[in-house]
């Protein structure tokens, strides 16, 4: 049961990380499409887009780190 709890908490952690990366982009995109053409909205959209694109390079590191913990726990539990 403990290893399943660890796996679920890892999955939730990774999902929350994805939400943290994509939520600013969603908000900025909604602001841009609703007619917000100001400089601050454009800058926010550029920064949010950069954050989304940086997710591609950080995501494998997060997965290796978190899933490495889970696989080590499974190895320790099973023998």
PDB file of N, CA and C in Angstrom:
ATOM      1  N   UNK A   1       0.815  -1.190   0.000  1.00  0.00           N
ATOM      2  CA  UNK A   1       0.000   0.000   0.000  1.00  0.00           C
ATOM      3  C   UNK A   1       0.862   1.260   0.000  1.00  0.00           C
ATOM      4  N   UNK A   2       1.986   1.212   0.696  1.00  0.00           N
ATOM      5  CA  UNK A   2       2.853   2.390   0.796  1.00  0.00           C
ATOM      6  C   UNK A   2       3.438   2.766  -0.563  1.00  0.00           C
ATOM      7  N   UNK A   3       3.806   1.763  -1.359  1.00  0.00           N
ATOM      8  CA  UNK A   3       4.398   2.091  -2.657  1.00  0.00           C
ATOM      9  C   UNK A   3       3.356   2.675  -3.605  1.00  0.00           C
ATOM     10  N   UNK A   4       2.100   2.237  -3.482  1.00  0.00           N
ATOM     11  CA  UNK A   4       1.045   2.831  -4.302  1.00  0.00           C
ATOM     12  C   UNK A   4       0.779   4.267  -3.885  1.00  0.00           C
ATOM     13  N   UNK A   5       0.843   4.506  -2.592  1.00  0.00           N
ATOM     14  CA  UNK A   5       0.678   5.870  -2.091  1.00  0.00           C
ATOM     15  C   UNK A   5       1.779   6.766  -2.637  1.00  0.00           C
ATOM     16  N   UNK A   6       2.999   6.255  -2.661  1.00  0.00           N
ATOM     17  CA  UNK A   6       4.139   7.009  -3.204  1.00  0.00           C
ATOM     18  C   UNK A   6       3.961   7.262  -4.698  1.00  0.00           C
ATOM     19  N   UNK A   7       3.497   6.246  -5.430  1.00  0.00           N
ATOM     20  CA  UNK A   7       3.292   6.405  -6.873  1.00  0.00           C
ATOM     21  C   UNK A   7       2.203   7.424  -7.165  1.00  0.00           C
ATOM     22  N   UNK A   8       1.135   7.401  -6.385  1.00  0.00           N
ATOM     23  CA  UNK A   8       0.047   8.362  -6.580  1.00  0.00           C
ATOM     24  C   UNK A   8       0.513   9.771  -6.249  1.00  0.00           C
ATOM     25  N   UNK A   9       1.264   9.927  -5.165  1.00  0.00           N
ATOM     26  CA  UNK A   9       1.746  11.266  -4.816  1.00  0.00           C
ATOM     27  C   UNK A   9       2.718  11.797  -5.866  1.00  0.00           C
ATOM     28  N   UNK A  10       3.517  10.903  -6.455  1.00  0.00           N
ATOM     29  CA  UNK A  10       4.419  11.320  -7.532  1.00  0.00           C
ATOM     30  C   UNK A  10       3.641  11.760  -8.758  1.00  0.00           C
ATOM     31  N   UNK A  11       2.615  10.993  -9.123  1.00  0.00           N
ATOM     32  CA  UNK A  11       1.792  11.354 -10.282  1.00  0.00           C
ATOM     33  C   UNK A  11       1.098  12.690 -10.062  1.00  0.00           C
ATOM     34  N   UNK A  12       0.590  12.912  -8.869  1.00  0.00           N
ATOM     35  CA  UNK A  12      -0.070  14.188  -8.562  1.00  0.00           C
ATOM     36  C   UNK A  12       0.930  15.338  -8.617  1.00  0.00           C
ATOM     37  N   UNK A  13       2.121  15.103  -8.105  1.00  0.00           N
ATOM     38  CA  UNK A  13       3.163  16.132  -8.133  1.00  0.00           C
ATOM     39  C   UNK A  13       3.518  16.508  -9.572  1.00  0.00           C
ATOM     40  N   UNK A  14       3.666  15.521 -10.432  1.00  0.00           N
ATOM     41  CA  UNK A  14       3.988  15.799 -11.833  1.00  0.00           C
ATOM     42  C   UNK A  14       2.841  16.513 -12.537  1.00  0.00           C
ATOM     43  N   UNK A  15       1.607  16.149 -12.238  1.00  0.00           N
ATOM     44  CA  UNK A  15       0.467  16.815 -12.848  1.00  0.00           C
ATOM     45  C   UNK A  15       0.358  18.272 -12.387  1.00  0.00           C
ATOM     46  N   UNK A  16       0.604  18.513 -11.119  1.00  0.00           N
ATOM     47  CA  UNK A  16       0.569  19.891 -10.617  1.00  0.00           C
ATOM     48  C   UNK A  16       1.682  20.739 -11.229  1.00  0.00           C
ATOM     49  N   UNK A  17       2.818  20.098 -11.484  1.00  0.00           N
ATOM     50  CA  UNK A  17       3.907  20.808 -12.153  1.00  0.00           C
ATOM     51  C   UNK A  17       3.495  21.210 -13.561  1.00  0.00           C
ATOM     52  N   UNK A  18       2.831  20.299 -14.266  1.00  0.00           N
ATOM     53  CA  UNK A  18       2.341  20.630 -15.610  1.00  0.00           C
ATOM     54  C   UNK A  18       1.332  21.772 -15.564  1.00  0.00           C
ATOM     55  N   UNK A  19       0.438  21.732 -14.605  1.00  0.00           N
ATOM     56  CA  UNK A  19      -0.546  22.809 -14.467  1.00  0.00           C
ATOM     57  C   UNK A  19       0.162  24.129 -14.190  1.00  0.00           C
ATOM     58  N   UNK A  20       1.173  24.094 -13.342  1.00  0.00           N
ATOM     59  CA  UNK A  20       1.910  25.323 -13.032  1.00  0.00           C
ATOM     60  C   UNK A  20       2.605  25.884 -14.264  1.00  0.00           C
ATOM     61  N   UNK A  21       3.048  24.995 -15.162  1.00  0.00           N
ATOM     62  CA  UNK A  21       3.717  25.459 -16.367  1.00  0.00           C
ATOM     63  C   UNK A  21       2.731  25.978 -17.407  1.00  0.00           C
ATOM     64  N   UNK A  22       1.562  25.354 -17.532  1.00  0.00           N
ATOM     65  CA  UNK A  22       0.639  25.697 -18.604  1.00  0.00           C
ATOM     66  C   UNK A  22      -0.430  26.718 -18.214  1.00  0.00           C
ATOM     67  N   UNK A  23      -0.727  26.878 -16.940  1.00  0.00           N
ATOM     68  CA  UNK A  23      -1.764  27.820 -16.526  1.00  0.00           C
ATOM     69  C   UNK A  23      -1.460  29.270 -16.924  1.00  0.00           C
ATOM     70  N   UNK A  24      -0.231  29.763 -16.715  1.00  0.00           N
ATOM     71  CA  UNK A  24       0.034  31.148 -17.154  1.00  0.00           C
ATOM     72  C   UNK A  24      -0.160  31.333 -18.662  1.00  0.00           C
ATOM     73  N   UNK A  25       0.174  30.300 -19.432  1.00  0.00           N
ATOM     74  CA  UNK A  25      -0.018  30.390 -20.879  1.00  0.00           C
ATOM     75  C   UNK A  25      -1.503  30.482 -21.229  1.00  0.00           C
ATOM     76  N   UNK A  26      -2.315  29.699 -20.548  1.00  0.00           N
ATOM     77  CA  UNK A  26      -3.755  29.750 -20.801  1.00  0.00           C
ATOM     78  C   UNK A  26      -4.348  31.104 -20.473  1.00  0.00           C
ATOM     79  N   UNK A  27      -3.929  31.653 -19.357  1.00  0.00           N
ATOM     80  CA  UNK A  27      -4.434  32.969 -18.945  1.00  0.00           C
ATOM     81  C   UNK A  27      -3.967  34.048 -19.921  1.00  0.00           C
ATOM     82  N   UNK A  28      -2.692  33.994 -20.292  1.00  0.00           N
ATOM     83  CA  UNK A  28      -2.158  35.005 -21.217  1.00  0.00           C
ATOM     84  C   UNK A  28      -2.795  34.875 -22.595  1.00  0.00           C
ATOM     85  N   UNK A  29      -3.003  33.659 -23.052  1.00  0.00           N
ATOM     86  CA  UNK A  29      -3.647  33.462 -24.360  1.00  0.00           C
ATOM     87  C   UNK A  29      -5.078  33.980 -24.355  1.00  0.00           C
ATOM     88  N   UNK A  30      -5.793  33.736 -23.265  1.00  0.00           N
ATOM     89  CA  UNK A  30      -7.159  34.251 -23.158  1.00  0.00           C
ATOM     90  C   UNK A  30      -7.170  35.775 -23.162  1.00  0.00           C
ATOM     91  N   UNK A  31      -6.179  36.377 -22.516  1.00  0.00           N
ATOM     92  CA  UNK A  31      -6.099  37.841 -22.489  1.00  0.00           C
ATOM     93  C   UNK A  31      -5.800  38.404 -23.868  1.00  0.00           C
ATOM     94  N   UNK A  32      -4.924  37.732 -24.597  1.00  0.00           N
ATOM     95  CA  UNK A  32      -4.562  38.214 -25.936  1.00  0.00           C
ATOM     96  C   UNK A  32      -5.742  38.069 -26.886  1.00  0.00           C
ATOM     97  N   UNK A  33      -6.441  36.924 -26.835  1.00  0.00           N
ATOM     98  CA  UNK A  33      -7.538  36.704 -27.774  1.00  0.00           C
ATOM     99  C   UNK A  33      -8.780  37.514 -27.428  1.00  0.00           C
ATOM    100  N   UNK A  34      -8.905  37.952 -26.187  1.00  0.00           N
ATOM    101  CA  UNK A  34     -10.072  38.756 -25.825  1.00  0.00           C
ATOM    102  C   UNK A  34      -9.884  40.229 -26.166  1.00  0.00           C
ATOM    103  N   UNK A  35      -8.807  40.537 -26.855  1.00  0.00           N
ATOM    104  CA  UNK A  35      -8.624  41.901 -27.316  1.00  0.00           C
ATOM    105  C   UNK A  35      -7.642  42.713 -26.506  1.00  0.00           C
ATOM    106  N   UNK A  36      -6.928  42.072 -25.599  1.00  0.00           N
ATOM    107  CA  UNK A  36      -5.942  42.802 -24.805  1.00  0.00           C
ATOM    108  C   UNK A  36      -4.669  42.993 -25.610  1.00  0.00           C
ATOM    109  N   UNK A  37      -4.533  44.129 -26.231  1.00  0.00           N
ATOM    110  CA  UNK A  37      -3.380  44.385 -27.078  1.00  0.00           C
ATOM    111  C   UNK A  37      -2.334  45.268 -26.431  1.00  0.00           C
ATOM    112  N   UNK A  38      -2.386  45.398 -25.130  1.00  0.00           N
ATOM    113  CA  UNK A  38      -1.433  46.283 -24.460  1.00  0.00           C
ATOM    114  C   UNK A  38      -0.055  45.636 -24.407  1.00  0.00           C
ATOM    115  N   UNK A  39       0.914  46.436 -24.121  1.00  0.00           N
ATOM    116  CA  UNK A  39       2.293  45.969 -24.044  1.00  0.00           C
ATOM    117  C   UNK A  39       2.481  44.964 -22.917  1.00  0.00           C
ATOM    118  N   UNK A  40       1.857  45.209 -21.788  1.00  0.00           N
ATOM    119  CA  UNK A  40       2.011  44.285 -20.654  1.00  0.00           C
ATOM    120  C   UNK A  40       1.399  42.924 -20.955  1.00  0.00           C
ATOM    121  N   UNK A  41       0.278  42.888 -21.660  1.00  0.00           N
ATOM    122  CA  UNK A  41      -0.343  41.608 -22.024  1.00  0.00           C
ATOM    123  C   UNK A  41       0.537  40.878 -23.028  1.00  0.00           C
ATOM    124  N   UNK A  42       1.112  41.598 -23.957  1.00  0.00           N
ATOM    125  CA  UNK A  42       2.005  40.973 -24.933  1.00  0.00           C
ATOM    126  C   UNK A  42       3.255  40.411 -24.266  1.00  0.00           C
ATOM    127  N   UNK A  43       3.812  41.147 -23.325  1.00  0.00           N
ATOM    128  CA  UNK A  43       4.982  40.660 -22.584  1.00  0.00           C
ATOM    129  C   UNK A  43       4.630  39.436 -21.755  1.00  0.00           C
ATOM    130  N   UNK A  44       3.463  39.457 -21.126  1.00  0.00           N
ATOM    131  CA  UNK A  44       3.026  38.297 -20.337  1.00  0.00           C
ATOM    132  C   UNK A  44       2.869  37.081 -21.229  1.00  0.00           C
ATOM    133  N   UNK A  45       2.334  37.264 -22.435  1.00  0.00           N
ATOM    134  CA  UNK A  45       2.162  36.149 -23.358  1.00  0.00           C
ATOM    135  C   UNK A  45       3.521  35.601 -23.796  1.00  0.00           C
ATOM    136  N   UNK A  46       4.479  36.476 -24.044  1.00  0.00           N
ATOM    137  CA  UNK A  46       5.818  36.031 -24.442  1.00  0.00           C
ATOM    138  C   UNK A  46       6.483  35.245 -23.312  1.00  0.00           C
ATOM    139  N   UNK A  47       6.390  35.746 -22.093  1.00  0.00           N
ATOM    140  CA  UNK A  47       6.977  35.033 -20.955  1.00  0.00           C
ATOM    141  C   UNK A  47       6.287  33.696 -20.711  1.00  0.00           C
ATOM    142  N   UNK A  48       4.965  33.670 -20.851  1.00  0.00           N
ATOM    143  CA  UNK A  48       4.220  32.424 -20.660  1.00  0.00           C
ATOM    144  C   UNK A  48       4.576  31.410 -21.743  1.00  0.00           C
ATOM    145  N   UNK A  49       4.754  31.872 -22.966  1.00  0.00           N
ATOM    146  CA  UNK A  49       5.154  30.978 -24.055  1.00  0.00           C
ATOM    147  C   UNK A  49       6.549  30.421 -23.801  1.00  0.00           C
ATOM    148  N   UNK A  50       7.440  31.248 -23.314  1.00  0.00           N
ATOM    149  CA  UNK A  50       8.788  30.789 -22.967  1.00  0.00           C
ATOM    150  C   UNK A  50       8.729  29.742 -21.856  1.00  0.00           C
ATOM    151  N   UNK A  51       7.868  29.948 -20.883  1.00  0.00           N
ATOM    152  CA  UNK A  51       7.708  28.990 -19.795  1.00  0.00           C
ATOM    153  C   UNK A  51       7.201  27.645 -20.316  1.00  0.00           C
ATOM    154  N   UNK A  52       6.236  27.664 -21.232  1.00  0.00           N
ATOM    155  CA  UNK A  52       5.711  26.432 -21.814  1.00  0.00           C
ATOM    156  C   UNK A  52       6.800  25.711 -22.603  1.00  0.00           C
ATOM    157  N   UNK A  53       7.576  26.453 -23.363  1.00  0.00           N
ATOM    158  CA  UNK A  53       8.632  25.826 -24.151  1.00  0.00           C
ATOM    159  C   UNK A  53       9.754  25.285 -23.265  1.00  0.00           C
ATOM    160  N   UNK A  54      10.002  25.939 -22.135  1.00  0.00           N
ATOM    161  CA  UNK A  54      11.031  25.434 -21.229  1.00  0.00           C
ATOM    162  C   UNK A  54      10.587  24.140 -20.554  1.00  0.00           C
ATOM    163  N   UNK A  55       9.296  23.899 -20.520  1.00  0.00           N
ATOM    164  CA  UNK A  55       8.767  22.662 -19.961  1.00  0.00           C
ATOM    165  C   UNK A  55       9.327  21.449 -20.702  1.00  0.00           C
ATOM    166  N   UNK A  56       9.578  21.580 -21.981  1.00  0.00           N
ATOM    167  CA  UNK A  56      10.106  20.466 -22.764  1.00  0.00           C
ATOM    168  C   UNK A  56      11.485  20.039 -22.290  1.00  0.00           C
ATOM    169  N   UNK A  57      12.261  20.961 -21.799  1.00  0.00           N
ATOM    170  CA  UNK A  57      13.595  20.593 -21.333  1.00  0.00           C
ATOM    171  C   UNK A  57      13.616  20.198 -19.859  1.00  0.00           C
ATOM    172  N   UNK A  58      12.695  20.718 -19.077  1.00  0.00           N
ATOM    173  CA  UNK A  58      12.673  20.405 -17.653  1.00  0.00           C
ATOM    174  C   UNK A  58      11.886  19.125 -17.371  1.00  0.00           C
ATOM    175  N   UNK A  59      10.888  18.831 -18.198  1.00  0.00           N
ATOM    176  CA  UNK A  59      10.024  17.683 -17.975  1.00  0.00           C
ATOM    177  C   UNK A  59      10.782  16.349 -17.873  1.00  0.00           C
ATOM    178  N   UNK A  60      11.722  16.036 -18.763  1.00  0.00           N
ATOM    179  CA  UNK A  60      12.450  14.770 -18.608  1.00  0.00           C
ATOM    180  C   UNK A  60      13.246  14.687 -17.305  1.00  0.00           C
ATOM    181  N   UNK A  61      13.772  15.806 -16.868  1.00  0.00           N
ATOM    182  CA  UNK A  61      14.529  15.822 -15.607  1.00  0.00           C
ATOM    183  C   UNK A  61      13.600  15.521 -14.437  1.00  0.00           C
ATOM    184  N   UNK A  62      12.422  16.152 -14.429  1.00  0.00           N
ATOM    185  CA  UNK A  62      11.459  15.893 -13.363  1.00  0.00           C
ATOM    186  C   UNK A  62      11.007  14.441 -13.355  1.00  0.00           C
ATOM    187  N   UNK A  63      10.720  13.903 -14.539  1.00  0.00           N
ATOM    188  CA  UNK A  63      10.269  12.521 -14.614  1.00  0.00           C
ATOM    189  C   UNK A  63      11.357  11.558 -14.146  1.00  0.00           C
ATOM    190  N   UNK A  64      12.566  11.793 -14.538  1.00  0.00           N
ATOM    191  CA  UNK A  64      13.656  10.902 -14.129  1.00  0.00           C
ATOM    192  C   UNK A  64      13.859  10.970 -12.620  1.00  0.00           C
ATOM    193  N   UNK A  65      13.775  12.173 -12.073  1.00  0.00           N
ATOM    194  CA  UNK A  65      13.973  12.353 -10.647  1.00  0.00           C
ATOM    195  C   UNK A  65      12.848  11.687  -9.853  1.00  0.00           C
ATOM    196  N   UNK A  66      11.608  11.992 -10.194  1.00  0.00           N
ATOM    197  CA  UNK A  66      10.474  11.470  -9.444  1.00  0.00           C
ATOM    198  C   UNK A  66      10.274   9.977  -9.693  1.00  0.00           C
ATOM    199  N   UNK A  67      10.348   9.541 -10.937  1.00  0.00           N
ATOM    200  CA  UNK A  67      10.126   8.129 -11.213  1.00  0.00           C
ATOM    201  C   UNK A  67      11.304   7.292 -10.740  1.00  0.00           C
ATOM    202  N   UNK A  68      12.474   7.882 -10.644  1.00  0.00           N
ATOM    203  CA  UNK A  68      13.619   7.185 -10.073  1.00  0.00           C
ATOM    204  C   UNK A  68      13.390   6.859  -8.607  1.00  0.00           C
ATOM    205  N   UNK A  69      12.762   7.788  -7.884  1.00  0.00           N
ATOM    206  CA  UNK A  69      12.427   7.539  -6.483  1.00  0.00           C
ATOM    207  C   UNK A  69      11.443   6.387  -6.353  1.00  0.00           C
ATOM    208  N   UNK A  70      10.464   6.356  -7.228  1.00  0.00           N
ATOM    209  CA  UNK A  70       9.453   5.295  -7.175  1.00  0.00           C
ATOM    210  C   UNK A  70      10.082   3.946  -7.500  1.00  0.00           C
ATOM    211  N   UNK A  71      10.900   3.885  -8.549  1.00  0.00           N
ATOM    212  CA  UNK A  71      11.500   2.595  -8.913  1.00  0.00           C
ATOM    213  C   UNK A  71      12.451   2.115  -7.822  1.00  0.00           C
ATOM    214  N   UNK A  72      13.150   3.020  -7.159  1.00  0.00           N
ATOM    215  CA  UNK A  72      14.032   2.637  -6.045  1.00  0.00           C
ATOM    216  C   UNK A  72      13.201   2.107  -4.874  1.00  0.00           C
ATOM    217  N   UNK A  73      12.074   2.720  -4.616  1.00  0.00           N
ATOM    218  CA  UNK A  73      11.197   2.243  -3.543  1.00  0.00           C
ATOM    219  C   UNK A  73      10.666   0.853  -3.852  1.00  0.00           C
ATOM    220  N   UNK A  74      10.292   0.620  -5.101  1.00  0.00           N
ATOM    221  CA  UNK A  74       9.797  -0.697  -5.506  1.00  0.00           C
ATOM    222  C   UNK A  74      10.901  -1.739  -5.367  1.00  0.00           C
ATOM    223  N   UNK A  75      12.105  -1.392  -5.776  1.00  0.00           N
ATOM    224  CA  UNK A  75      13.238  -2.324  -5.650  1.00  0.00           C
ATOM    225  C   UNK A  75      13.499  -2.664  -4.193  1.00  0.00           C
ATOM    226  N   UNK A  76      13.439  -1.675  -3.326  1.00  0.00           N
ATOM    227  CA  UNK A  76      13.669  -1.905  -1.905  1.00  0.00           C
ATOM    228  C   UNK A  76      12.559  -2.735  -1.274  1.00  0.00           C
ATOM    229  N   UNK A  77      11.331  -2.550  -1.744  1.00  0.00           N
ATOM    230  CA  UNK A  77      10.201  -3.267  -1.184  1.00  0.00           C
ATOM    231  C   UNK A  77      10.177  -4.729  -1.614  1.00  0.00           C
ATOM    232  N   UNK A  78      10.489  -4.968  -2.880  1.00  0.00           N
ATOM    233  CA  UNK A  78      10.356  -6.329  -3.405  1.00  0.00           C
ATOM    234  C   UNK A  78      11.547  -7.220  -3.085  1.00  0.00           C
ATOM    235  N   UNK A  79      12.600  -6.707  -2.602  1.00  0.00           N
ATOM    236  CA  UNK A  79      13.640  -7.648  -2.244  1.00  0.00           C
ATOM    237  C   UNK A  79      14.911  -7.020  -1.974  1.00  0.00           C
TER     238      UNK A  79
END
